[in-house]
Structure formats: C-alpha cells, structure tokens
N, C-alpha and C. Protein backbone atom coordinates (compact mmCIF):
# COMPACT_ATOMS: atom_id res chain seq x y z
N MET A 1 123.96 107.32 103.76
CA MET A 1 122.51 107.28 103.71
C MET A 1 122.10 106.01 102.96
N ARG A 2 121.13 105.31 103.52
CA ARG A 2 120.65 104.08 102.89
C ARG A 2 119.22 104.28 102.39
N LEU A 3 119.03 103.97 101.12
CA LEU A 3 117.73 104.08 100.48
C LEU A 3 117.26 102.70 100.05
N LEU A 4 115.97 102.48 100.14
CA LEU A 4 115.38 101.28 99.56
C LEU A 4 114.40 101.75 98.50
N PHE A 5 114.56 101.27 97.28
CA PHE A 5 113.68 101.65 96.18
C PHE A 5 112.95 100.41 95.68
N PHE A 6 111.64 100.52 95.53
CA PHE A 6 110.87 99.49 94.85
C PHE A 6 109.75 100.16 94.09
N THR A 7 109.15 99.43 93.19
CA THR A 7 108.15 100.03 92.32
C THR A 7 107.17 98.98 91.82
N ASP A 8 106.08 99.46 91.25
CA ASP A 8 105.09 98.62 90.57
C ASP A 8 104.63 97.44 91.42
N SER A 9 104.19 97.74 92.63
CA SER A 9 103.68 96.71 93.53
C SER A 9 102.35 96.16 93.05
N HIS A 10 101.52 97.01 92.47
CA HIS A 10 100.19 96.63 91.96
C HIS A 10 99.39 95.84 92.99
N LEU A 11 99.31 96.37 94.20
CA LEU A 11 98.54 95.71 95.26
C LEU A 11 97.08 95.67 94.85
N ARG A 12 96.46 94.52 95.09
CA ARG A 12 95.06 94.32 94.70
C ARG A 12 94.43 93.27 95.59
N GLY A 13 93.14 93.12 95.48
CA GLY A 13 92.41 92.22 96.37
C GLY A 13 92.00 90.91 95.76
N ASN A 14 92.39 90.65 94.52
CA ASN A 14 92.04 89.37 93.91
C ASN A 14 93.23 88.85 93.10
N SER A 15 93.14 87.61 92.70
CA SER A 15 94.24 86.98 91.97
C SER A 15 94.01 87.08 90.46
N PRO A 16 95.07 87.39 89.71
CA PRO A 16 94.96 87.33 88.25
C PRO A 16 94.63 85.89 87.83
N LYS A 17 93.99 85.73 86.68
CA LYS A 17 93.52 84.42 86.23
C LYS A 17 94.62 83.36 86.19
N ASN A 18 95.80 83.73 85.79
CA ASN A 18 96.87 82.75 85.58
C ASN A 18 97.65 82.41 86.84
N ARG A 19 97.36 83.06 87.95
CA ARG A 19 98.08 82.76 89.19
C ARG A 19 97.47 81.54 89.86
N LYS A 20 98.33 80.66 90.35
CA LYS A 20 97.87 79.45 91.04
C LYS A 20 97.94 79.62 92.56
N ASP A 21 98.66 80.66 93.02
CA ASP A 21 98.82 80.88 94.46
C ASP A 21 97.73 81.83 94.96
N ASP A 22 97.73 82.07 96.25
CA ASP A 22 96.89 83.10 96.84
C ASP A 22 97.64 84.41 96.64
N TYR A 23 97.30 85.10 95.57
CA TYR A 23 98.08 86.26 95.13
C TYR A 23 98.13 87.37 96.19
N VAL A 24 97.01 87.61 96.85
CA VAL A 24 96.98 88.67 97.87
C VAL A 24 97.91 88.30 99.02
N GLN A 25 97.93 87.05 99.42
CA GLN A 25 98.84 86.61 100.48
C GLN A 25 100.29 86.72 100.01
N THR A 26 100.55 86.41 98.76
CA THR A 26 101.90 86.55 98.21
C THR A 26 102.34 88.01 98.25
N LEU A 27 101.44 88.93 97.87
CA LEU A 27 101.75 90.36 97.94
C LEU A 27 102.04 90.78 99.38
N GLU A 28 101.22 90.30 100.32
CA GLU A 28 101.43 90.64 101.72
C GLU A 28 102.80 90.12 102.19
N ASN A 29 103.14 88.90 101.83
CA ASN A 29 104.43 88.34 102.22
C ASN A 29 105.59 89.16 101.65
N LYS A 30 105.46 89.61 100.41
CA LYS A 30 106.50 90.43 99.80
C LYS A 30 106.63 91.77 100.52
N MET A 31 105.50 92.37 100.88
CA MET A 31 105.57 93.65 101.59
C MET A 31 106.19 93.46 102.97
N LEU A 32 105.87 92.37 103.65
CA LEU A 32 106.48 92.09 104.95
C LEU A 32 107.98 91.84 104.81
N GLU A 33 108.38 91.24 103.72
CA GLU A 33 109.82 91.04 103.46
C GLU A 33 110.51 92.39 103.27
N ILE A 34 109.85 93.31 102.59
CA ILE A 34 110.41 94.66 102.42
C ILE A 34 110.58 95.33 103.77
N VAL A 35 109.58 95.22 104.65
CA VAL A 35 109.68 95.80 105.99
C VAL A 35 110.88 95.20 106.72
N ASP A 36 111.07 93.90 106.60
CA ASP A 36 112.19 93.23 107.24
C ASP A 36 113.53 93.73 106.68
N ILE A 37 113.61 93.89 105.38
CA ILE A 37 114.85 94.40 104.75
C ILE A 37 115.15 95.81 105.25
N ILE A 38 114.12 96.63 105.36
CA ILE A 38 114.30 98.00 105.86
C ILE A 38 114.87 97.97 107.27
N ASP A 39 114.31 97.14 108.11
CA ASP A 39 114.75 97.06 109.51
C ASP A 39 116.16 96.48 109.63
N ARG A 40 116.44 95.39 108.94
CA ARG A 40 117.74 94.72 109.06
C ARG A 40 118.89 95.55 108.51
N ASN A 41 118.59 96.40 107.53
CA ASN A 41 119.65 97.17 106.86
C ASN A 41 119.69 98.63 107.26
N ASN A 42 118.94 98.99 108.29
CA ASN A 42 118.93 100.38 108.78
C ASN A 42 118.71 101.39 107.65
N VAL A 43 117.69 101.13 106.85
CA VAL A 43 117.35 102.01 105.74
C VAL A 43 116.86 103.35 106.30
N ASP A 44 117.29 104.44 105.66
CA ASP A 44 116.91 105.78 106.11
C ASP A 44 115.65 106.31 105.43
N PHE A 45 115.47 105.96 104.16
CA PHE A 45 114.31 106.43 103.39
C PHE A 45 113.86 105.34 102.45
N VAL A 46 112.55 105.26 102.23
CA VAL A 46 111.98 104.33 101.27
C VAL A 46 111.42 105.15 100.12
N LEU A 47 111.73 104.72 98.90
CA LEU A 47 111.24 105.38 97.70
C LEU A 47 110.45 104.37 96.88
N HIS A 48 109.26 104.79 96.43
CA HIS A 48 108.44 103.92 95.59
C HIS A 48 108.20 104.63 94.26
N GLY A 49 108.42 103.92 93.15
CA GLY A 49 108.36 104.51 91.82
C GLY A 49 107.00 104.56 91.17
N GLY A 50 105.95 104.23 91.88
CA GLY A 50 104.60 104.35 91.32
C GLY A 50 103.90 103.02 91.13
N ASP A 51 102.60 103.10 90.91
CA ASP A 51 101.73 101.93 90.81
C ASP A 51 101.80 101.07 92.06
N LEU A 52 101.63 101.71 93.20
CA LEU A 52 101.54 100.97 94.45
C LEU A 52 100.31 100.06 94.41
N PHE A 53 99.20 100.60 93.92
CA PHE A 53 97.97 99.84 93.80
C PHE A 53 97.69 99.52 92.34
N ASP A 54 96.85 98.53 92.12
CA ASP A 54 96.50 98.13 90.77
C ASP A 54 95.39 98.99 90.18
N ARG A 55 94.74 99.75 91.06
CA ARG A 55 93.68 100.66 90.63
C ARG A 55 93.54 101.75 91.69
N PRO A 56 92.96 102.88 91.36
CA PRO A 56 92.89 103.98 92.32
C PRO A 56 91.90 103.77 93.45
N ASP A 57 91.00 102.80 93.32
CA ASP A 57 89.92 102.63 94.29
C ASP A 57 89.86 101.21 94.85
N VAL A 58 91.00 100.69 95.31
CA VAL A 58 90.98 99.35 95.90
C VAL A 58 90.07 99.36 97.12
N SER A 59 89.64 98.19 97.52
CA SER A 59 88.65 98.08 98.60
C SER A 59 89.21 98.53 99.95
N ILE A 60 88.30 98.83 100.84
CA ILE A 60 88.67 99.24 102.20
C ILE A 60 89.42 98.10 102.89
N SER A 61 89.00 96.87 102.68
CA SER A 61 89.68 95.75 103.35
C SER A 61 91.12 95.60 102.88
N ILE A 62 91.38 95.79 101.60
CA ILE A 62 92.76 95.71 101.09
C ILE A 62 93.56 96.92 101.56
N THR A 63 92.94 98.09 101.54
CA THR A 63 93.62 99.29 102.04
C THR A 63 94.02 99.10 103.49
N SER A 64 93.12 98.58 104.29
CA SER A 64 93.40 98.34 105.70
C SER A 64 94.49 97.29 105.89
N ARG A 65 94.38 96.21 105.16
CA ARG A 65 95.35 95.12 105.27
C ARG A 65 96.78 95.59 105.01
N PHE A 66 96.96 96.34 103.92
CA PHE A 66 98.31 96.79 103.57
C PHE A 66 98.74 98.02 104.36
N SER A 67 97.80 98.83 104.81
CA SER A 67 98.15 99.99 105.64
C SER A 67 98.80 99.55 106.95
N ARG A 68 98.30 98.45 107.50
CA ARG A 68 98.91 97.92 108.73
C ARG A 68 100.38 97.57 108.50
N ILE A 69 100.69 97.09 107.32
CA ILE A 69 102.08 96.77 107.00
C ILE A 69 102.89 98.05 106.81
N PHE A 70 102.35 99.00 106.06
CA PHE A 70 103.08 100.25 105.81
C PHE A 70 103.38 100.98 107.11
N LYS A 71 102.47 100.89 108.08
CA LYS A 71 102.68 101.58 109.35
C LYS A 71 103.84 100.99 110.15
N LYS A 72 104.26 99.78 109.81
CA LYS A 72 105.42 99.17 110.47
C LYS A 72 106.73 99.79 110.02
N ILE A 73 106.69 100.48 108.90
CA ILE A 73 107.89 101.13 108.37
C ILE A 73 108.12 102.42 109.16
N GLN A 74 109.25 102.48 109.84
CA GLN A 74 109.52 103.58 110.76
C GLN A 74 110.34 104.71 110.14
N VAL A 75 110.53 104.68 108.83
CA VAL A 75 111.26 105.75 108.14
C VAL A 75 110.32 106.38 107.11
N PRO A 76 110.63 107.60 106.67
CA PRO A 76 109.76 108.26 105.68
C PRO A 76 109.68 107.46 104.37
N ILE A 77 108.48 107.43 103.81
CA ILE A 77 108.23 106.78 102.53
C ILE A 77 107.83 107.85 101.53
N TYR A 78 108.59 107.97 100.45
CA TYR A 78 108.28 108.91 99.38
C TYR A 78 107.82 108.11 98.17
N ILE A 79 106.74 108.57 97.55
CA ILE A 79 106.14 107.83 96.43
C ILE A 79 105.68 108.80 95.35
N VAL A 80 105.79 108.38 94.12
CA VAL A 80 105.17 109.10 93.02
C VAL A 80 103.95 108.29 92.59
N SER A 81 102.96 108.97 92.08
CA SER A 81 101.76 108.25 91.64
C SER A 81 102.00 107.69 90.25
N GLY A 82 101.62 106.43 90.09
CA GLY A 82 101.70 105.80 88.77
C GLY A 82 100.36 105.88 88.08
N ASN A 83 100.33 105.44 86.83
CA ASN A 83 99.08 105.52 86.07
C ASN A 83 97.97 104.66 86.67
N HIS A 84 98.31 103.60 87.42
CA HIS A 84 97.29 102.78 88.05
C HIS A 84 96.79 103.37 89.37
N ASP A 85 97.54 104.32 89.92
CA ASP A 85 97.19 104.92 91.21
C ASP A 85 96.17 106.05 91.08
N VAL A 86 95.96 106.54 89.87
CA VAL A 86 95.07 107.70 89.65
C VAL A 86 94.03 107.36 88.60
N TYR A 87 93.03 108.20 88.49
CA TYR A 87 91.98 108.01 87.49
C TYR A 87 92.39 108.63 86.16
N GLY A 88 92.19 107.88 85.07
CA GLY A 88 92.42 108.41 83.73
C GLY A 88 93.83 108.92 83.49
N HIS A 89 94.81 108.34 84.15
CA HIS A 89 96.21 108.76 84.01
C HIS A 89 96.41 110.23 84.38
N ASN A 90 95.52 110.75 85.22
CA ASN A 90 95.55 112.17 85.57
C ASN A 90 95.99 112.34 87.02
N PRO A 91 97.22 112.82 87.25
CA PRO A 91 97.72 113.00 88.63
C PRO A 91 96.89 113.99 89.45
N GLN A 92 96.10 114.81 88.80
CA GLN A 92 95.26 115.77 89.52
C GLN A 92 94.13 115.08 90.28
N THR A 93 93.89 113.80 90.02
CA THR A 93 92.82 113.07 90.70
C THR A 93 93.31 112.37 91.96
N ILE A 94 94.55 112.57 92.33
CA ILE A 94 95.15 111.84 93.45
C ILE A 94 94.35 112.00 94.75
N ASN A 95 93.73 113.16 94.94
CA ASN A 95 92.98 113.40 96.18
C ASN A 95 91.73 112.53 96.29
N ARG A 96 91.33 111.87 95.20
CA ARG A 96 90.15 110.99 95.22
C ARG A 96 90.53 109.51 95.24
N THR A 97 91.79 109.21 95.51
CA THR A 97 92.27 107.84 95.43
C THR A 97 92.70 107.30 96.79
N VAL A 98 92.91 106.00 96.84
CA VAL A 98 93.41 105.37 98.06
C VAL A 98 94.81 105.90 98.39
N LEU A 99 95.65 106.06 97.39
CA LEU A 99 96.99 106.61 97.62
C LEU A 99 96.90 108.01 98.21
N GLY A 100 95.99 108.81 97.70
CA GLY A 100 95.78 110.15 98.26
C GLY A 100 95.32 110.11 99.71
N LEU A 101 94.44 109.17 100.01
CA LEU A 101 93.98 109.00 101.39
C LEU A 101 95.15 108.63 102.31
N LEU A 102 95.97 107.69 101.89
CA LEU A 102 97.10 107.27 102.73
C LEU A 102 98.13 108.39 102.89
N SER A 103 98.20 109.26 101.92
CA SER A 103 99.06 110.43 102.07
C SER A 103 98.49 111.39 103.11
N GLU A 104 97.18 111.58 103.07
CA GLU A 104 96.53 112.45 104.05
C GLU A 104 96.66 111.90 105.46
N LEU A 105 96.78 110.58 105.59
CA LEU A 105 96.94 109.94 106.90
C LEU A 105 98.41 109.84 107.30
N ASP A 106 99.28 110.51 106.55
CA ASP A 106 100.73 110.57 106.82
C ASP A 106 101.42 109.22 106.78
N ILE A 107 100.93 108.31 105.96
CA ILE A 107 101.61 107.03 105.76
C ILE A 107 102.63 107.18 104.64
N PHE A 108 102.30 107.97 103.62
CA PHE A 108 103.19 108.23 102.49
C PHE A 108 103.37 109.72 102.29
N ASN A 109 104.47 110.07 101.66
CA ASN A 109 104.71 111.43 101.18
C ASN A 109 104.68 111.36 99.66
N ILE A 110 103.65 111.91 99.05
CA ILE A 110 103.55 111.88 97.59
C ILE A 110 104.40 113.00 97.02
N VAL A 111 105.29 112.62 96.10
CA VAL A 111 106.13 113.61 95.41
C VAL A 111 105.34 114.08 94.20
N LYS A 112 105.09 115.36 94.16
CA LYS A 112 104.29 115.94 93.08
C LYS A 112 105.18 116.29 91.90
N GLU A 113 104.55 116.45 90.75
CA GLU A 113 105.27 116.79 89.53
C GLU A 113 106.10 118.07 89.73
N ASN A 114 107.33 118.01 89.31
CA ASN A 114 108.30 119.12 89.38
C ASN A 114 108.69 119.49 90.81
N GLU A 115 108.31 118.71 91.79
CA GLU A 115 108.69 118.96 93.17
C GLU A 115 110.07 118.36 93.41
N LYS A 116 110.93 119.12 94.05
CA LYS A 116 112.25 118.64 94.40
C LYS A 116 112.28 118.26 95.87
N ILE A 117 112.79 117.09 96.14
CA ILE A 117 112.90 116.61 97.50
C ILE A 117 114.38 116.42 97.81
N ILE A 118 114.83 116.99 98.91
CA ILE A 118 116.21 116.79 99.35
C ILE A 118 116.17 115.91 100.60
N LEU A 119 116.77 114.76 100.48
CA LEU A 119 116.81 113.82 101.59
C LEU A 119 118.10 114.02 102.37
N GLN A 120 117.97 114.20 103.65
CA GLN A 120 119.14 114.39 104.51
C GLN A 120 119.03 113.45 105.68
N LYS A 121 120.17 112.84 106.01
CA LYS A 121 120.20 111.93 107.15
C LYS A 121 120.41 112.72 108.41
C-alpha cells in the first residue's frame, strides 16, 4: 500500500508580506506537483495532517481554484482539521468552514476526533 502524507499547506488567496513571488501561483504549482507524484507513484491513499487552508473562510475563488486541483486526485483523501481550518480552534465548527464544505462535496474525508480509519488496498 502506498500512502502520500503532507501537511500545513496553508492555502490562501494573497501573498505574505515577505514573499517576492506570486505566492498563490506557487501554492498551485506545489499542489499540481503533489497530484503528479500521486499519479506517477500509484499512491493508494492521500493523508493530510491539517491546516489545508490558512483560515476557515477562504474566498470562493480560491476554494474553486484549488478544488479543481483536488478533484484531479483519483484516490481517497483523508484529512484532519488543523487550527487554521476551523473557527476559534474548535473542531465543532468544521461544518461552517471551507474544509467542511469540501467534505460535504466528497472531495475530502475528514477524520474526526477519536475516529479510527482502517485503510485497505
């Protein structure tokens, strides 16, 4: 079984002050590289360790932009919510966030607290 694990993507729609590049484009390029790695290496499952987004309410345009990339991933994606993915560090707010929306649209499988997941090939 092949797993790909990544974490702390902090996807966002603007560039931090100290970045000289087009940060959003850099993030998109990195996500496309991950899709390529998944495809080239016949990955069975993708695991994300949290903080996919930099805030729980990123814009619709950024959600759309990165959702198109996530939909290219043809294997299940399991993710835990990080403190940046929810409001007030409270996992109970996940249903009001972009990550919660993408879970409802079956793009991600959110692993809930104390939930056990058994991955089988």
